[in-house]
Amino acid sequence: MRVVILEESETHVPVPAFPSGESYIDLRQNPRAIERIAPARAHLPLRNFLTAINSTKSVFTSAAVATESSSASNGLPGESFEFASRIRLVFAIMSLNFDRIQYTEIAAAVKELLERDSAESIRAVFRVSPCDFPEQDHHGFCLEIQLIARGDSTRQAEVRWGLGLARVQQALLFRARAMGQQIGARDTEEFPPPSEITN
């Protein structure tokens, strides 16, 4: 899997906010509310990802999610279909969101795990971006994960995306466990690194 990490400056606009408004759904507090998220209803891998990432075994909270599919307009043969998702995460422990290095370090660690996978049809972009936290009257950061998979058809691209998202989920939770131990969080179950995942 090809992985790129981007660090955006505070000059990028607009800056997202967390929570994102009245429509925000807090899945840590209300897991059953996942039924109100249309992309999660439509795509089981995304539903599984959001359920795991917002669980008590995770140090993350999902802030926003979207999916899209597209096809290349050049008409060339080959993997010309894409399926993609964008998922924005923040830390469930609020104080961690105000330190950029927390995001850059976990992005780098997850990148190292994911690049063990040789799948060239999947790429991921991790963006560490400024984020406003109005309830805390504080500026901080968030992590946006864009995952794009290519295929010979929309269906093939979506299947590859689902496999890729499962690997991202495992990598994040594997690092979350280590992070939880470092910050004195309660013990969590062991999550295997992506290299141990079987298709």
Foldseek 3Di string as FASTA:
>chain_A
DAEAEAEDDPVDPDAAAPQRDPPWDWCLVPVVCVVVPVVCVVAVLVVVLQNLCSYPLFQKTWRDKDKDKDFDPPPDADQGIKIKMKIKMDGPPVVCQADLVSVVVLSVQLSVLLVVDPDPQKYKYWYWYWYHYVVVRDIGTIIMIMMMGTGRDNVVNSVVSSLSSVLSSLSNSQVRQVVCVVVVHDHHDHGDHSVPDDD
